[in-house]
PDB file of all heavy atoms in Angstrom:
ATOM      1  N   TYR A   1       0.839  -1.194   0.000  1.00  0.00           N
ATOM      2  CA  TYR A   1       0.000   0.000   0.000  1.00  0.00           C
ATOM      3  C   TYR A   1       0.878   1.250   0.000  1.00  0.00           C
ATOM      4  O   TYR A   1       0.608   2.221   0.695  1.00  0.00           O
ATOM      5  CB  TYR A   1      -0.955  -0.018   1.193  1.00  0.00           C
ATOM      6  CG  TYR A   1      -1.988  -1.119   1.107  1.00  0.00           C
ATOM      7  CD1 TYR A   1      -2.165  -2.007   2.150  1.00  0.00           C
ATOM      8  CD2 TYR A   1      -2.765  -1.262  -0.037  1.00  0.00           C
ATOM      9  CE1 TYR A   1      -3.110  -3.025   2.065  1.00  0.00           C
ATOM     10  CE2 TYR A   1      -3.710  -2.277  -0.135  1.00  0.00           C
ATOM     11  CZ  TYR A   1      -3.876  -3.151   0.919  1.00  0.00           C
ATOM     12  OH  TYR A   1      -4.809  -4.158   0.829  1.00  0.00           O
ATOM     13  N   GLU A   2       1.923   1.179  -0.767  1.00  0.00           N
ATOM     14  CA  GLU A   2       2.818   2.322  -0.938  1.00  0.00           C
ATOM     15  C   GLU A   2       2.158   3.346  -1.858  1.00  0.00           C
ATOM     16  O   GLU A   2       1.515   2.999  -2.846  1.00  0.00           O
ATOM     17  CB  GLU A   2       4.134   1.848  -1.550  1.00  0.00           C
ATOM     18  CG  GLU A   2       5.164   2.944  -1.710  1.00  0.00           C
ATOM     19  CD  GLU A   2       6.449   2.409  -2.342  1.00  0.00           C
ATOM     20  OE1 GLU A   2       6.339   1.514  -3.215  1.00  0.00           O
ATOM     21  OE2 GLU A   2       7.532   2.865  -1.955  1.00  0.00           O
ATOM     22  N   VAL A   3       2.327   4.622  -1.507  1.00  0.00           N
ATOM     23  CA  VAL A   3       1.814   5.714  -2.347  1.00  0.00           C
ATOM     24  C   VAL A   3       3.018   6.446  -2.927  1.00  0.00           C
ATOM     25  O   VAL A   3       3.649   7.273  -2.246  1.00  0.00           O
ATOM     26  CB  VAL A   3       0.933   6.690  -1.532  1.00  0.00           C
ATOM     27  CG1 VAL A   3       0.352   7.763  -2.455  1.00  0.00           C
ATOM     28  CG2 VAL A   3      -0.188   5.946  -0.817  1.00  0.00           C
ATOM     29  N   PRO A   4       3.380   6.140  -4.159  1.00  0.00           N
ATOM     30  CA  PRO A   4       4.593   6.728  -4.752  1.00  0.00           C
ATOM     31  C   PRO A   4       4.565   8.250  -4.767  1.00  0.00           C
ATOM     32  O   PRO A   4       3.533   8.873  -5.032  1.00  0.00           O
ATOM     33  CB  PRO A   4       4.580   6.166  -6.181  1.00  0.00           C
ATOM     34  CG  PRO A   4       3.786   4.899  -6.078  1.00  0.00           C
ATOM     35  CD  PRO A   4       2.727   5.188  -5.063  1.00  0.00           C
ATOM     36  N   GLY A   5       5.720   8.830  -4.462  1.00  0.00           N
ATOM     37  CA  GLY A   5       5.871  10.274  -4.551  1.00  0.00           C
ATOM     38  C   GLY A   5       5.329  11.056  -3.377  1.00  0.00           C
ATOM     39  O   GLY A   5       5.394  12.297  -3.381  1.00  0.00           O
ATOM     40  N   GLN A   6       4.795  10.365  -2.365  1.00  0.00           N
ATOM     41  CA  GLN A   6       4.235  11.069  -1.223  1.00  0.00           C
ATOM     42  C   GLN A   6       5.104  10.865   0.016  1.00  0.00           C
ATOM     43  O   GLN A   6       6.289  10.598  -0.099  1.00  0.00           O
ATOM     44  CB  GLN A   6       2.785  10.651  -1.020  1.00  0.00           C
ATOM     45  CG  GLN A   6       1.864  11.030  -2.170  1.00  0.00           C
ATOM     46  CD  GLN A   6       1.891  12.523  -2.480  1.00  0.00           C
ATOM     47  OE1 GLN A   6       1.596  13.342  -1.622  1.00  0.00           O
ATOM     48  NE2 GLN A   6       2.261  12.871  -3.715  1.00  0.00           N
ATOM     49  N   TRP A   7       4.543  10.937   1.218  1.00  0.00           N
ATOM     50  CA  TRP A   7       5.338  11.132   2.423  1.00  0.00           C
ATOM     51  C   TRP A   7       5.324   9.961   3.394  1.00  0.00           C
ATOM     52  O   TRP A   7       5.632  10.143   4.575  1.00  0.00           O
ATOM     53  CB  TRP A   7       4.868  12.405   3.124  1.00  0.00           C
ATOM     54  CG  TRP A   7       5.230  13.638   2.371  1.00  0.00           C
ATOM     55  CD1 TRP A   7       4.568  14.168   1.301  1.00  0.00           C
ATOM     56  CD2 TRP A   7       6.354  14.480   2.602  1.00  0.00           C
ATOM     57  NE1 TRP A   7       5.203  15.296   0.847  1.00  0.00           N
ATOM     58  CE2 TRP A   7       6.299  15.518   1.634  1.00  0.00           C
ATOM     59  CE3 TRP A   7       7.397  14.475   3.532  1.00  0.00           C
ATOM     60  CZ2 TRP A   7       7.263  16.530   1.567  1.00  0.00           C
ATOM     61  CZ3 TRP A   7       8.347  15.484   3.482  1.00  0.00           C
ATOM     62  CH2 TRP A   7       8.275  16.501   2.507  1.00  0.00           C
ATOM     63  N   GLN A   8       5.000   8.770   2.955  1.00  0.00           N
ATOM     64  CA  GLN A   8       5.021   7.628   3.867  1.00  0.00           C
ATOM     65  C   GLN A   8       6.424   7.444   4.452  1.00  0.00           C
ATOM     66  O   GLN A   8       7.408   7.417   3.732  1.00  0.00           O
ATOM     67  CB  GLN A   8       4.574   6.355   3.145  1.00  0.00           C
ATOM     68  CG  GLN A   8       3.076   6.322   2.882  1.00  0.00           C
ATOM     69  CD  GLN A   8       2.687   5.206   1.943  1.00  0.00           C
ATOM     70  OE1 GLN A   8       3.442   4.856   1.040  1.00  0.00           O
ATOM     71  NE2 GLN A   8       1.500   4.652   2.129  1.00  0.00           N
ATOM     72  N   GLY A   9       6.493   7.324   5.777  1.00  0.00           N
ATOM     73  CA  GLY A   9       7.766   7.110   6.428  1.00  0.00           C
ATOM     74  C   GLY A   9       8.576   8.361   6.702  1.00  0.00           C
ATOM     75  O   GLY A   9       9.660   8.293   7.284  1.00  0.00           O
ATOM     76  N   ARG A  10       8.072   9.516   6.298  1.00  0.00           N
ATOM     77  CA  ARG A  10       8.761  10.767   6.559  1.00  0.00           C
ATOM     78  C   ARG A  10       7.710  11.864   6.691  1.00  0.00           C
ATOM     79  O   ARG A  10       6.547  11.665   6.297  1.00  0.00           O
ATOM     80  CB  ARG A  10       9.761  11.106   5.447  1.00  0.00           C
ATOM     81  CG  ARG A  10       9.148  11.177   4.071  1.00  0.00           C
ATOM     82  CD  ARG A  10      10.170  11.087   2.954  1.00  0.00           C
ATOM     83  NE  ARG A  10       9.520  11.236   1.640  1.00  0.00           N
ATOM     84  CZ  ARG A  10       9.486  12.365   0.959  1.00  0.00           C
ATOM     85  NH1 ARG A  10      10.084  13.457   1.451  1.00  0.00           N
ATOM     86  NH2 ARG A  10       8.887  12.433  -0.211  1.00  0.00           N
ATOM     87  N   THR A  11       8.075  12.980   7.254  1.00  0.00           N
ATOM     88  CA  THR A  11       7.100  14.040   7.493  1.00  0.00           C
ATOM     89  C   THR A  11       7.699  15.413   7.224  1.00  0.00           C
ATOM     90  O   THR A  11       8.915  15.583   7.171  1.00  0.00           O
ATOM     91  CB  THR A  11       6.598  14.021   8.953  1.00  0.00           C
ATOM     92  OG1 THR A  11       7.715  14.199   9.837  1.00  0.00           O
ATOM     93  CG2 THR A  11       5.884  12.727   9.269  1.00  0.00           C
ATOM     94  N   ARG A  12       6.813  16.371   7.088  1.00  0.00           N
ATOM     95  CA  ARG A  12       7.176  17.787   7.005  1.00  0.00           C
ATOM     96  C   ARG A  12       6.150  18.549   7.827  1.00  0.00           C
ATOM     97  O   ARG A  12       4.961  18.483   7.548  1.00  0.00           O
ATOM     98  CB  ARG A  12       7.147  18.264   5.549  1.00  0.00           C
ATOM     99  CG  ARG A  12       7.524  19.738   5.355  1.00  0.00           C
ATOM    100  CD  ARG A  12       7.323  20.154   3.909  1.00  0.00           C
ATOM    101  NE  ARG A  12       5.919  20.052   3.532  1.00  0.00           N
ATOM    102  CZ  ARG A  12       5.485  19.945   2.265  1.00  0.00           C
ATOM    103  NH1 ARG A  12       6.352  19.886   1.266  1.00  0.00           N
ATOM    104  NH2 ARG A  12       4.194  19.866   2.015  1.00  0.00           N
ATOM    105  N   ASP A  13       6.611  19.237   8.868  1.00  0.00           N
ATOM    106  CA  ASP A  13       5.701  19.968   9.759  1.00  0.00           C
ATOM    107  C   ASP A  13       4.657  19.007  10.358  1.00  0.00           C
ATOM    108  O   ASP A  13       3.452  19.185  10.208  1.00  0.00           O
ATOM    109  CB  ASP A  13       5.007  21.095   8.978  1.00  0.00           C
ATOM    110  CG  ASP A  13       4.228  22.040   9.882  1.00  0.00           C
ATOM    111  OD1 ASP A  13       4.565  22.123  11.075  1.00  0.00           O
ATOM    112  OD2 ASP A  13       3.268  22.669   9.397  1.00  0.00           O
ATOM    113  N   LEU A  14       5.130  17.990  11.069  1.00  0.00           N
ATOM    114  CA  LEU A  14       4.274  16.948  11.630  1.00  0.00           C
ATOM    115  C   LEU A  14       3.202  17.539  12.542  1.00  0.00           C
ATOM    116  O   LEU A  14       3.501  18.302  13.455  1.00  0.00           O
ATOM    117  CB  LEU A  14       5.124  15.946  12.416  1.00  0.00           C
ATOM    118  CG  LEU A  14       4.387  14.778  13.075  1.00  0.00           C
ATOM    119  CD1 LEU A  14       3.720  13.893  12.017  1.00  0.00           C
ATOM    120  CD2 LEU A  14       5.351  13.962  13.928  1.00  0.00           C
ATOM    121  N   ARG A  15       1.946  17.144  12.312  1.00  0.00           N
ATOM    122  CA  ARG A  15       0.831  17.622  13.118  1.00  0.00           C
ATOM    123  C   ARG A  15      -0.019  16.494  13.705  1.00  0.00           C
ATOM    124  O   ARG A  15      -0.629  16.656  14.765  1.00  0.00           O
ATOM    125  CB  ARG A  15      -0.073  18.542  12.276  1.00  0.00           C
ATOM    126  CG  ARG A  15       0.532  19.904  11.998  1.00  0.00           C
ATOM    127  CD  ARG A  15       0.603  20.732  13.270  1.00  0.00           C
ATOM    128  NE  ARG A  15       1.147  22.079  13.052  1.00  0.00           N
ATOM    129  CZ  ARG A  15       2.410  22.408  13.197  1.00  0.00           C
ATOM    130  NH1 ARG A  15       3.297  21.470  13.546  1.00  0.00           N
ATOM    131  NH2 ARG A  15       2.827  23.636  13.010  1.00  0.00           N
ATOM    132  N   VAL A  16      -0.077  15.352  13.022  1.00  0.00           N
ATOM    133  CA  VAL A  16      -0.964  14.264  13.435  1.00  0.00           C
ATOM    134  C   VAL A  16      -0.167  12.970  13.587  1.00  0.00           C
ATOM    135  O   VAL A  16       0.596  12.597  12.700  1.00  0.00           O
ATOM    136  CB  VAL A  16      -2.095  14.033  12.404  1.00  0.00           C
ATOM    137  CG1 VAL A  16      -3.023  12.904  12.868  1.00  0.00           C
ATOM    138  CG2 VAL A  16      -2.893  15.313  12.178  1.00  0.00           C
ATOM    139  N   VAL A  17      -0.361  12.283  14.718  1.00  0.00           N
ATOM    140  CA  VAL A  17       0.234  10.967  14.944  1.00  0.00           C
ATOM    141  C   VAL A  17      -0.886  10.032  15.370  1.00  0.00           C
ATOM    142  O   VAL A  17      -1.813  10.432  16.082  1.00  0.00           O
ATOM    143  CB  VAL A  17       1.331  11.015  16.034  1.00  0.00           C
ATOM    144  CG1 VAL A  17       1.815   9.610  16.375  1.00  0.00           C
ATOM    145  CG2 VAL A  17       2.500  11.879  15.570  1.00  0.00           C
ATOM    146  N   GLY A  18      -0.830   8.764  14.936  1.00  0.00           N
ATOM    147  CA  GLY A  18      -1.867   7.825  15.343  1.00  0.00           C
ATOM    148  C   GLY A  18      -1.521   6.399  14.988  1.00  0.00           C
ATOM    149  O   GLY A  18      -0.442   6.089  14.494  1.00  0.00           O
ATOM    150  N   ASP A  19      -2.509   5.516  15.255  1.00  0.00           N
ATOM    151  CA  ASP A  19      -2.332   4.081  15.023  1.00  0.00           C
ATOM    152  C   ASP A  19      -3.659   3.497  14.548  1.00  0.00           C
ATOM    153  O   ASP A  19      -4.729   3.855  15.053  1.00  0.00           O
ATOM    154  CB  ASP A  19      -1.882   3.395  16.315  1.00  0.00           C
ATOM    155  CG  ASP A  19      -1.588   1.916  16.119  1.00  0.00           C
ATOM    156  OD1 ASP A  19      -0.895   1.570  15.140  1.00  0.00           O
ATOM    157  OD2 ASP A  19      -2.054   1.104  16.937  1.00  0.00           O
ATOM    158  N   SER A  20      -3.595   2.572  13.581  1.00  0.00           N
ATOM    159  CA  SER A  20      -4.810   2.015  12.982  1.00  0.00           C
ATOM    160  C   SER A  20      -5.100   0.589  13.436  1.00  0.00           C
ATOM    161  O   SER A  20      -5.401  -0.289  12.630  1.00  0.00           O
ATOM    162  CB  SER A  20      -4.723   2.063  11.447  1.00  0.00           C
ATOM    163  OG  SER A  20      -3.612   1.322  10.974  1.00  0.00           O
ATOM    164  N   ASN A  21      -5.014   0.352  14.742  1.00  0.00           N
ATOM    165  CA  ASN A  21      -5.322  -0.971  15.292  1.00  0.00           C
ATOM    166  C   ASN A  21      -6.767  -0.987  15.783  1.00  0.00           C
ATOM    167  O   ASN A  21      -7.044  -0.996  16.988  1.00  0.00           O
ATOM    168  CB  ASN A  21      -4.362  -1.291  16.441  1.00  0.00           C
ATOM    169  CG  ASN A  21      -4.518  -2.702  16.953  1.00  0.00           C
ATOM    170  OD1 ASN A  21      -4.795  -3.617  16.187  1.00  0.00           O
ATOM    171  ND2 ASN A  21      -4.354  -2.894  18.251  1.00  0.00           N
ATOM    172  N   ALA A  22      -7.725  -0.971  14.853  1.00  0.00           N
ATOM    173  CA  ALA A  22      -9.125  -0.697  15.185  1.00  0.00           C
ATOM    174  C   ALA A  22      -9.744  -1.721  16.130  1.00  0.00           C
ATOM    175  O   ALA A  22     -10.286  -1.375  17.190  1.00  0.00           O
ATOM    176  CB  ALA A  22      -9.942  -0.604  13.903  1.00  0.00           C
ATOM    177  N   GLY A  23      -9.701  -3.006  15.752  1.00  0.00           N
ATOM    178  CA  GLY A  23     -10.320  -4.028  16.581  1.00  0.00           C
ATOM    179  C   GLY A  23      -9.679  -4.121  17.953  1.00  0.00           C
ATOM    180  O   GLY A  23     -10.365  -4.259  18.979  1.00  0.00           O
ATOM    181  N   GLY A  24      -8.357  -4.029  17.995  1.00  0.00           N
ATOM    182  CA  GLY A  24      -7.648  -4.078  19.265  1.00  0.00           C
ATOM    183  C   GLY A  24      -7.994  -2.901  20.161  1.00  0.00           C
ATOM    184  O   GLY A  24      -8.113  -3.043  21.388  1.00  0.00           O
TER     185      GLY A  24
END
C-alpha cells in the first residue's frame, strides 16, 4: 500500500500521529 511520490515514512511539519489498530 505504498503511495509513490508522497510522504510515507517521513514528514514535514508533523501535526498528526496515530495508530490504525481498530479491533484491538
